[in-house]
Amino acid sequence: MNGSLSMKIMAGTCDFSAWPPRGAVAGARGEKNDVVLVPKVGLCSWRCRGNASRPPQKLLVTAGMDRDQLVGMINGKKINGVYINEAPLYTTATSNPDNLVKECGADSLPHACLVGRFVDDRFVYRQTFIIRSYEIGPDKTATMETLMNLLQETALNHVTSSGLAGNGFGATREMSLRKLIWVVTRIHVQVQRYSSWGDVVEIDTWVDAAGKNGMRRDWIIRDYNTQEIITRATSTWVIMNRETRRLSKIPDQVRQEVVPFYLNKLAIPIEENDTDKIDKLTDATAGRICSGLAPRWNDMDANQHVNNVKYIGWILESVPINVLGAYSLTSMTLEYRRECRQSNLLESLTSTTASIGDYDTDPPHKTGRCPDLEYTHLLRMQADKAEIVRARTEWHSKTK
């Protein structure tokens, strides 16, 4: 094989410039000991023809091509980019997690078994995760930050596996050419139950239009073993110029990339979604204020601003400690208003807006469960009091 072939393997890169693989001998085209490499999104297999007894070696890859080389069909619509021919790792025969390691083989990457796949005619991307020990809180269950990180990871892998990924953090190819990035404006998460350490969860994600210049992304988290839906989430995203940091309309070329993936489906029904305005807190209306919160270098993401998930921890800094211990955070709505950089000092404000007995019949936002506590939050710049994030949270007692 002449030259080199570089392919992305999940978050890293596998360089095939040094061929043949160990134990194989590459000969001229047509010889029986040729190494055959078949690149495609999802799974790449090579086999040494000179050793028929050795099983094929599998690597998870996303193979890229020049945009002009191929026009693929996604969900019945044409898009520019790579041809999508992803090979699912999960089938009926491999649905049991006990069989995953056996299927992947000893030579495979440890996390290769948990790569995602497309379902529902390729409109929905599904990925499986194990809750790690460092992703749980004092009560040995996953935290809201853990859930938000898993949602974000699934969304980014959805873009990458679709063949649309450019060189940005979740940006498509046409977005990268125009120096555009996605930024989230609002997220609403409803949690029925938090997973425990060692539990396996299955996350589905898909996208749809949100108005003329926005995109909605939804998620559902299930318990892998019982298939019980334990979390639902919805979010709205808009496009921003990476250099000017100004919001932008969705260019037609970008719209043509993402429209074939749109699915008219809601993770949270309209009547249960929290679309109410979140009131702004002030020094006078806040019950608790926590100052001097400083972003660290590790809080920054690839788009050169504080990762949106990091805000959750700062928001909860001003929640009373007895609430954090005795109550579960069952609903959270975040309304992002501006970026935050590492040099900014922050303040977290919290105020109680409702408590048990304050509702007549219907709970707020019609989520089907009346919360025991509800709080309004504000994360702002300490220097000029500029708003960063408004939030609303609902809490249920752990003893009920």
Protein backbone atom coordinates (compact mmCIF):
# COMPACT_ATOMS: atom_id res chain seq x y z
CA MET A 1 0.00 0.00 0.00
CA ASN A 2 1.58 3.27 -1.08
CA GLY A 3 1.52 6.53 0.85
CA SER A 4 -0.31 6.90 4.13
CA LEU A 5 -3.90 6.82 5.23
CA SER A 6 -4.94 8.72 8.34
CA MET A 7 -8.28 8.02 9.97
CA LYS A 8 -9.95 9.31 13.08
CA ILE A 9 -10.72 6.73 15.73
CA MET A 10 -13.33 8.21 18.02
CA ALA A 11 -11.65 11.16 19.74
CA GLY A 12 -8.15 10.29 18.55
CA THR A 13 -6.34 9.51 15.30
CA CYS A 14 -5.03 6.26 13.92
CA ASP A 15 -2.21 6.64 11.40
CA PHE A 16 -1.78 3.79 8.95
CA SER A 17 1.38 5.24 7.40
CA ALA A 18 3.43 2.33 8.73
CA TRP A 19 2.01 -0.62 6.82
CA PRO A 20 1.64 -3.57 6.93
CA PRO A 21 0.27 -4.24 10.45
CA ARG A 22 2.38 -6.45 12.68
CA GLY A 23 2.18 -10.05 11.54
CA ALA A 24 1.08 -9.24 8.00
CA VAL A 25 3.17 -8.92 4.84
CA ALA A 26 1.96 -6.50 2.18
CA GLY A 27 2.74 -7.55 -1.35
CA ALA A 28 1.92 -6.30 -4.80
CA ARG A 29 -1.71 -5.95 -5.85
CA GLY A 30 -3.25 -9.34 -6.47
CA GLU A 31 -0.86 -11.36 -4.32
CA LYS A 32 -2.40 -13.64 -1.77
CA ASN A 33 -0.79 -11.87 1.17
CA ASP A 34 -2.20 -8.42 0.38
CA VAL A 35 -3.56 -6.40 3.27
CA VAL A 36 -7.09 -5.31 2.51
CA LEU A 37 -8.42 -2.16 4.21
CA VAL A 38 -12.07 -1.26 3.81
CA PRO A 39 -12.75 2.20 5.31
CA LYS A 40 -16.24 3.26 6.26
CA VAL A 41 -17.92 5.20 9.00
CA GLY A 42 -18.30 3.04 12.07
CA LEU A 43 -16.12 0.00 11.39
CA CYS A 44 -12.94 -0.66 9.43
CA SER A 45 -11.72 -4.22 8.91
CA TRP A 46 -8.45 -5.55 7.52
CA ARG A 47 -7.52 -9.14 6.94
CA CYS A 48 -4.24 -10.77 6.11
CA ARG A 49 -5.01 -12.97 3.14
CA GLY A 50 -1.92 -15.04 3.83
CA ASN A 51 -3.33 -16.12 7.20
CA ALA A 52 -6.92 -17.23 6.72
CA SER A 53 -7.13 -18.63 10.23
CA ARG A 54 -6.61 -15.26 11.84
CA PRO A 55 -9.90 -13.40 12.39
CA PRO A 56 -10.38 -9.95 10.85
CA GLN A 57 -9.01 -7.11 12.95
CA LYS A 58 -11.58 -4.38 13.52
CA LEU A 59 -10.97 -0.69 14.07
CA LEU A 60 -13.60 2.00 14.59
CA VAL A 61 -13.05 4.82 12.13
CA THR A 62 -14.54 7.79 10.39
CA ALA A 63 -13.06 7.86 6.92
CA GLY A 64 -12.97 11.31 5.30
CA MET A 65 -13.09 12.24 1.64
CA ASP A 66 -12.94 15.49 -0.25
CA ARG A 67 -16.35 17.14 -0.50
CA ASP A 68 -16.29 17.02 -4.29
CA GLN A 69 -15.55 13.32 -4.46
CA LEU A 70 -18.91 12.02 -3.42
CA VAL A 71 -22.50 13.01 -2.79
CA GLY A 72 -24.19 10.74 -0.25
CA MET A 73 -27.82 10.09 0.51
CA ILE A 74 -28.97 10.65 4.08
CA ASN A 75 -32.59 9.95 4.99
CA GLY A 76 -33.51 10.07 1.32
CA LYS A 77 -31.90 13.48 0.73
CA LYS A 78 -28.61 14.45 -0.89
CA ILE A 79 -25.85 16.04 1.16
CA ASN A 80 -22.23 16.82 0.35
CA GLY A 81 -19.62 14.98 2.37
CA VAL A 82 -18.54 11.44 2.98
CA TYR A 83 -20.66 8.44 2.11
CA ILE A 84 -22.31 7.12 5.21
CA ASN A 85 -22.15 3.35 5.45
CA GLU A 86 -21.86 2.90 9.19
CA ALA A 87 -21.78 -0.65 10.53
CA PRO A 88 -23.74 -0.96 13.79
CA LEU A 89 -21.96 -2.63 16.65
CA TYR A 90 -25.15 -3.50 18.49
CA THR A 91 -27.42 -6.09 16.95
CA THR A 92 -29.95 -8.47 18.41
CA ALA A 93 -27.15 -10.95 18.92
CA THR A 94 -25.01 -8.44 20.80
CA SER A 95 -27.64 -6.63 22.83
CA ASN A 96 -26.41 -8.28 25.99
CA PRO A 97 -23.57 -6.20 27.47
CA ASP A 98 -21.90 -9.40 28.67
CA ASN A 99 -21.19 -10.28 25.04
CA LEU A 100 -19.71 -6.92 24.07
CA VAL A 101 -16.12 -7.54 25.07
CA LYS A 102 -16.20 -11.02 23.54
CA GLU A 103 -17.49 -9.62 20.26
CA CYS A 104 -14.91 -6.87 20.04
CA GLY A 105 -11.98 -9.17 20.73
CA ALA A 106 -8.91 -8.81 22.87
CA ASP A 107 -7.10 -6.59 20.37
CA SER A 108 -9.85 -3.95 20.21
CA LEU A 109 -9.85 -0.70 22.11
CA PRO A 110 -11.58 -1.06 25.52
CA HIS A 111 -14.18 1.61 24.70
CA ALA A 112 -14.79 0.36 21.18
CA CYS A 113 -17.72 -1.72 22.38
CA LEU A 114 -19.62 1.38 23.46
CA VAL A 115 -19.53 3.36 20.22
CA GLY A 116 -22.87 4.67 18.99
CA ARG A 117 -25.07 3.68 16.08
CA PHE A 118 -27.96 5.06 14.06
CA VAL A 119 -31.55 3.88 14.54
CA ASP A 120 -35.01 4.91 13.29
CA ASP A 121 -33.95 5.13 9.63
CA ARG A 122 -30.77 6.99 10.60
CA PHE A 123 -32.60 9.96 12.13
CA VAL A 124 -31.71 9.01 15.71
CA TYR A 125 -28.21 8.43 17.07
CA ARG A 126 -27.91 6.03 20.01
CA GLN A 127 -24.98 5.59 22.36
CA THR A 128 -24.39 3.56 25.51
CA PHE A 129 -22.41 4.63 28.58
CA ILE A 130 -21.35 3.14 31.90
CA ILE A 131 -21.63 5.44 34.93
CA ARG A 132 -18.09 5.74 36.30
CA SER A 133 -17.05 6.15 39.93
CA TYR A 134 -15.88 9.73 39.29
CA GLU A 135 -19.26 10.66 37.81
CA ILE A 136 -21.30 10.12 40.98
CA GLY A 137 -21.99 12.36 43.95
CA PRO A 138 -22.06 11.74 47.71
CA ASP A 139 -25.25 9.67 47.37
CA LYS A 140 -23.48 7.33 44.88
CA THR A 141 -25.69 8.37 41.96
CA ALA A 142 -24.86 10.33 38.83
CA THR A 143 -24.98 14.11 39.13
CA MET A 144 -26.75 16.61 36.89
CA GLU A 145 -23.34 17.62 35.54
CA THR A 146 -22.67 13.99 34.62
CA LEU A 147 -25.94 13.77 32.71
CA MET A 148 -25.24 17.01 30.86
CA ASN A 149 -21.75 15.82 29.93
CA LEU A 150 -23.16 12.57 28.55
CA LEU A 151 -25.76 14.49 26.54
CA GLN A 152 -23.07 16.71 25.10
CA GLU A 153 -20.82 13.75 24.27
CA THR A 154 -23.65 11.97 22.45
CA ALA A 155 -24.48 15.11 20.47
CA LEU A 156 -20.87 15.58 19.33
CA ASN A 157 -20.55 11.90 18.38
CA HIS A 158 -23.79 12.21 16.43
CA VAL A 159 -22.26 14.97 14.29
CA THR A 160 -19.00 13.07 13.84
CA SER A 161 -20.66 9.76 12.94
CA SER A 162 -22.96 11.49 10.46
CA GLY A 163 -19.97 12.48 8.35
CA LEU A 164 -20.71 16.21 8.70
CA ALA A 165 -18.03 17.13 11.23
CA GLY A 166 -15.64 19.89 10.25
CA ASN A 167 -12.69 21.08 12.30
CA GLY A 168 -14.78 22.79 14.96
CA PHE A 169 -16.34 21.60 18.21
CA GLY A 170 -19.49 20.04 16.75
CA ALA A 171 -19.44 22.33 13.71
CA THR A 172 -20.27 20.99 10.26
CA ARG A 173 -17.90 21.28 7.31
CA GLU A 174 -19.66 24.28 5.81
CA MET A 175 -19.66 25.94 9.23
CA SER A 176 -15.92 25.39 9.59
CA LEU A 177 -15.32 27.00 6.20
CA ARG A 178 -17.21 30.09 7.41
CA LYS A 179 -15.69 30.14 10.92
CA LEU A 180 -19.04 29.41 12.54
CA ILE A 181 -19.81 27.44 15.70
CA TRP A 182 -22.92 26.22 17.52
CA VAL A 183 -23.83 27.85 20.84
CA VAL A 184 -26.64 26.75 23.14
CA THR A 185 -29.27 29.27 24.22
CA ARG A 186 -31.57 27.12 26.37
CA ILE A 187 -31.61 23.62 27.87
CA HIS A 188 -34.37 21.95 29.85
CA VAL A 189 -33.73 18.60 31.58
CA GLN A 190 -36.24 16.43 33.45
CA VAL A 191 -34.90 13.61 35.61
CA GLN A 192 -37.11 10.78 36.83
CA ARG A 193 -34.29 8.82 38.41
CA TYR A 194 -30.50 9.11 38.62
CA SER A 195 -28.36 6.12 37.70
CA SER A 196 -25.96 4.59 40.19
CA TRP A 197 -22.29 3.76 39.87
CA GLY A 198 -21.84 0.91 37.40
CA ASP A 199 -25.24 1.29 35.76
CA VAL A 200 -25.42 1.26 31.97
CA VAL A 201 -27.48 3.95 30.27
CA GLU A 202 -28.60 4.28 26.65
CA ILE A 203 -28.95 7.76 25.15
CA ASP A 204 -30.88 8.69 22.00
CA THR A 205 -30.43 12.08 20.35
CA TRP A 206 -31.84 13.79 17.27
CA VAL A 207 -32.24 17.28 15.83
CA ASP A 208 -34.94 19.44 14.29
CA ALA A 209 -35.46 23.04 13.24
CA ALA A 210 -36.14 25.69 15.89
CA GLY A 211 -37.58 28.71 14.14
CA LYS A 212 -35.82 30.16 11.10
CA ASN A 213 -32.30 30.34 12.48
CA GLY A 214 -32.11 27.84 15.30
CA MET A 215 -31.79 24.10 15.76
CA ARG A 216 -33.43 21.98 18.44
CA ARG A 217 -31.64 18.97 19.85
CA ASP A 218 -33.45 16.44 22.04
CA TRP A 219 -32.28 13.52 24.14
CA ILE A 220 -33.78 10.56 25.96
CA ILE A 221 -31.81 8.55 28.52
CA ARG A 222 -32.91 4.98 29.28
CA ASP A 223 -31.79 2.39 31.75
CA TYR A 224 -30.08 -0.11 29.45
CA ASN A 225 -31.38 -3.21 31.22
CA THR A 226 -34.99 -2.20 31.87
CA GLN A 227 -35.41 0.27 28.97
CA GLU A 228 -37.10 2.63 31.42
CA ILE A 229 -36.85 6.29 30.35
CA ILE A 230 -35.15 8.03 33.25
CA THR A 231 -34.25 11.43 31.74
CA ARG A 232 -35.61 13.67 28.99
CA ALA A 233 -33.96 16.82 27.68
CA THR A 234 -34.44 19.44 24.98
CA SER A 235 -32.24 22.33 23.89
CA THR A 236 -32.05 25.19 21.41
CA TRP A 237 -28.89 26.14 19.49
CA VAL A 238 -27.91 29.07 17.29
CA ILE A 239 -24.85 29.85 15.18
CA MET A 240 -22.11 32.28 16.19
CA ASN A 241 -19.06 33.57 14.35
CA ARG A 242 -15.97 32.13 16.00
CA GLU A 243 -13.90 35.32 15.54
CA THR A 244 -16.39 38.17 15.96
CA ARG A 245 -18.43 36.27 18.61
CA ARG A 246 -21.61 37.61 17.01
CA LEU A 247 -24.70 35.53 16.27
CA SER A 248 -25.28 34.64 12.62
CA LYS A 249 -28.10 33.40 10.45
CA ILE A 250 -27.82 29.81 9.29
CA PRO A 251 -26.23 29.93 5.81
CA ASP A 252 -28.07 28.01 3.10
CA GLN A 253 -25.09 25.68 2.68
CA VAL A 254 -25.20 24.76 6.37
CA ARG A 255 -28.95 24.33 6.27
CA GLN A 256 -28.60 21.89 3.37
CA GLU A 257 -26.19 19.83 5.49
CA VAL A 258 -28.37 19.53 8.58
CA VAL A 259 -31.92 19.45 7.16
CA PRO A 260 -31.65 15.79 6.03
CA PHE A 261 -31.18 14.85 9.69
CA TYR A 262 -34.22 16.75 11.00
CA LEU A 263 -36.80 14.63 12.79
CA ASN A 264 -40.17 15.99 13.87
CA LYS A 265 -40.21 14.32 17.27
CA LEU A 266 -40.25 15.73 20.82
CA ALA A 267 -38.45 14.24 23.80
CA ILE A 268 -40.59 16.41 26.09
CA PRO A 269 -44.18 17.12 25.04
CA ILE A 270 -45.01 20.79 24.52
CA GLU A 271 -47.38 20.87 27.47
CA GLU A 272 -44.65 19.51 29.79
CA ASN A 273 -41.77 21.67 28.54
CA ASP A 274 -40.54 24.58 30.62
CA THR A 275 -40.85 27.52 28.23
CA ASP A 276 -41.73 30.15 30.87
CA LYS A 277 -39.55 33.20 31.25
CA ILE A 278 -36.97 32.99 34.02
CA ASP A 279 -37.03 36.12 36.16
CA LYS A 280 -33.82 38.06 36.70
CA LEU A 281 -32.45 38.03 40.22
CA THR A 282 -30.88 41.10 41.83
CA ASP A 283 -29.08 41.80 45.08
CA ALA A 284 -32.45 42.72 46.55
CA THR A 285 -34.35 39.63 45.42
CA ALA A 286 -31.65 36.98 45.89
CA GLY A 287 -31.79 34.97 49.08
CA ARG A 288 -28.17 33.81 48.84
CA ILE A 289 -25.16 35.21 46.94
CA CYS A 290 -21.88 33.36 46.50
CA SER A 291 -19.02 35.51 45.10
CA GLY A 292 -15.44 34.96 43.94
CA LEU A 293 -16.10 31.99 41.63
CA ALA A 294 -13.15 31.74 39.25
CA PRO A 295 -13.09 29.69 36.02
CA ARG A 296 -10.01 27.54 35.59
CA TRP A 297 -8.10 26.66 32.45
CA ASN A 298 -9.69 23.20 32.44
CA ASP A 299 -13.15 24.78 32.41
CA MET A 300 -12.57 26.09 28.88
CA ASP A 301 -13.74 24.12 25.85
CA ALA A 302 -12.53 23.90 22.26
CA ASN A 303 -14.58 26.99 21.31
CA GLN A 304 -12.46 29.10 23.69
CA HIS A 305 -15.16 29.81 26.24
CA VAL A 306 -16.30 28.14 29.44
CA ASN A 307 -18.08 24.88 28.69
CA ASN A 308 -21.81 25.28 29.29
CA VAL A 309 -21.88 22.27 31.65
CA LYS A 310 -19.46 24.01 34.04
CA TYR A 311 -22.08 26.60 34.88
CA ILE A 312 -24.18 24.01 36.70
CA GLY A 313 -21.68 23.59 39.52
CA TRP A 314 -21.39 27.35 40.02
CA ILE A 315 -25.18 27.76 40.01
CA LEU A 316 -25.52 25.14 42.74
CA GLU A 317 -22.85 26.85 44.88
CA SER A 318 -25.51 29.22 46.24
CA VAL A 319 -28.07 26.47 47.01
CA PRO A 320 -28.29 25.71 50.76
CA ILE A 321 -26.17 22.70 51.69
CA ASN A 322 -29.06 20.99 53.46
CA VAL A 323 -31.07 21.10 50.22
CA LEU A 324 -28.22 19.51 48.26
CA GLY A 325 -28.11 16.64 50.76
CA ALA A 326 -31.80 16.03 51.40
CA TYR A 327 -33.33 16.74 47.99
CA SER A 328 -32.85 15.47 44.44
CA LEU A 329 -32.56 17.91 41.54
CA THR A 330 -35.34 16.67 39.25
CA SER A 331 -35.71 19.52 36.75
CA MET A 332 -33.31 22.17 35.50
CA THR A 333 -33.76 24.89 32.92
CA LEU A 334 -30.75 26.92 31.80
CA GLU A 335 -31.05 30.10 29.75
CA TYR A 336 -27.65 31.15 28.43
CA ARG A 337 -27.23 34.89 27.88
CA ARG A 338 -23.54 35.49 27.21
CA GLU A 339 -20.12 33.86 27.10
CA CYS A 340 -17.73 33.57 29.99
CA ARG A 341 -13.93 33.55 29.73
CA GLN A 342 -11.25 32.35 32.10
CA SER A 343 -10.40 35.89 33.25
CA ASN A 344 -13.92 36.56 34.60
CA LEU A 345 -14.83 36.34 38.27
CA LEU A 346 -18.42 35.19 38.81
CA GLU A 347 -21.23 35.47 41.33
CA SER A 348 -23.97 32.89 41.92
CA LEU A 349 -27.38 34.08 43.14
CA THR A 350 -30.25 31.87 44.33
CA SER A 351 -33.75 32.63 45.54
CA THR A 352 -36.61 30.37 46.65
CA THR A 353 -39.60 30.86 44.39
CA ALA A 354 -41.91 28.09 45.64
CA SER A 355 -42.12 25.31 48.17
CA ILE A 356 -44.39 22.40 48.93
CA GLY A 357 -48.01 23.44 49.31
CA ASP A 358 -47.69 26.53 47.10
CA TYR A 359 -49.41 24.82 44.16
CA ASP A 360 -53.12 24.12 43.90
CA THR A 361 -53.53 21.26 41.46
CA ASP A 362 -51.07 21.55 38.59
CA PRO A 363 -47.33 21.74 39.26
CA PRO A 364 -45.32 24.42 37.43
CA HIS A 365 -44.33 23.62 33.85
CA LYS A 366 -46.81 20.70 34.00
CA THR A 367 -44.07 18.08 34.37
CA GLY A 368 -46.50 15.75 36.09
CA ARG A 369 -44.75 15.91 39.47
CA CYS A 370 -45.25 18.66 42.03
CA PRO A 371 -41.81 19.66 43.34
CA ASP A 372 -41.09 20.12 47.01
CA LEU A 373 -38.82 23.08 46.30
CA GLU A 374 -38.26 25.44 43.40
CA TYR A 375 -35.40 27.92 43.01
CA THR A 376 -34.50 30.71 40.62
CA HIS A 377 -30.81 31.26 39.90
CA LEU A 378 -28.52 33.77 38.25
CA LEU A 379 -24.86 33.46 37.34
CA ARG A 380 -23.33 36.87 36.59
CA MET A 381 -20.03 38.69 36.21
CA GLN A 382 -18.78 39.95 39.53
CA ALA A 383 -17.29 43.14 38.08
CA ASP A 384 -20.11 44.62 35.98
CA LYS A 385 -23.03 42.36 37.05
CA ALA A 386 -23.59 41.25 33.43
CA GLU A 387 -25.80 38.15 33.20
CA ILE A 388 -24.29 34.87 32.04
CA VAL A 389 -26.98 32.28 32.81
CA ARG A 390 -30.46 32.37 34.28
CA ALA A 391 -31.75 29.09 35.66
CA ARG A 392 -34.70 27.46 37.36
CA THR A 393 -34.50 24.23 39.35
CA GLU A 394 -37.05 21.89 40.94
CA TRP A 395 -36.26 19.54 43.79
CA HIS A 396 -37.91 16.49 45.39
CA SER A 397 -37.27 15.16 48.85
CA LYS A 398 -35.17 11.98 48.89
CA THR A 399 -37.17 10.56 51.77
CA LYS A 400 -40.44 10.31 49.84
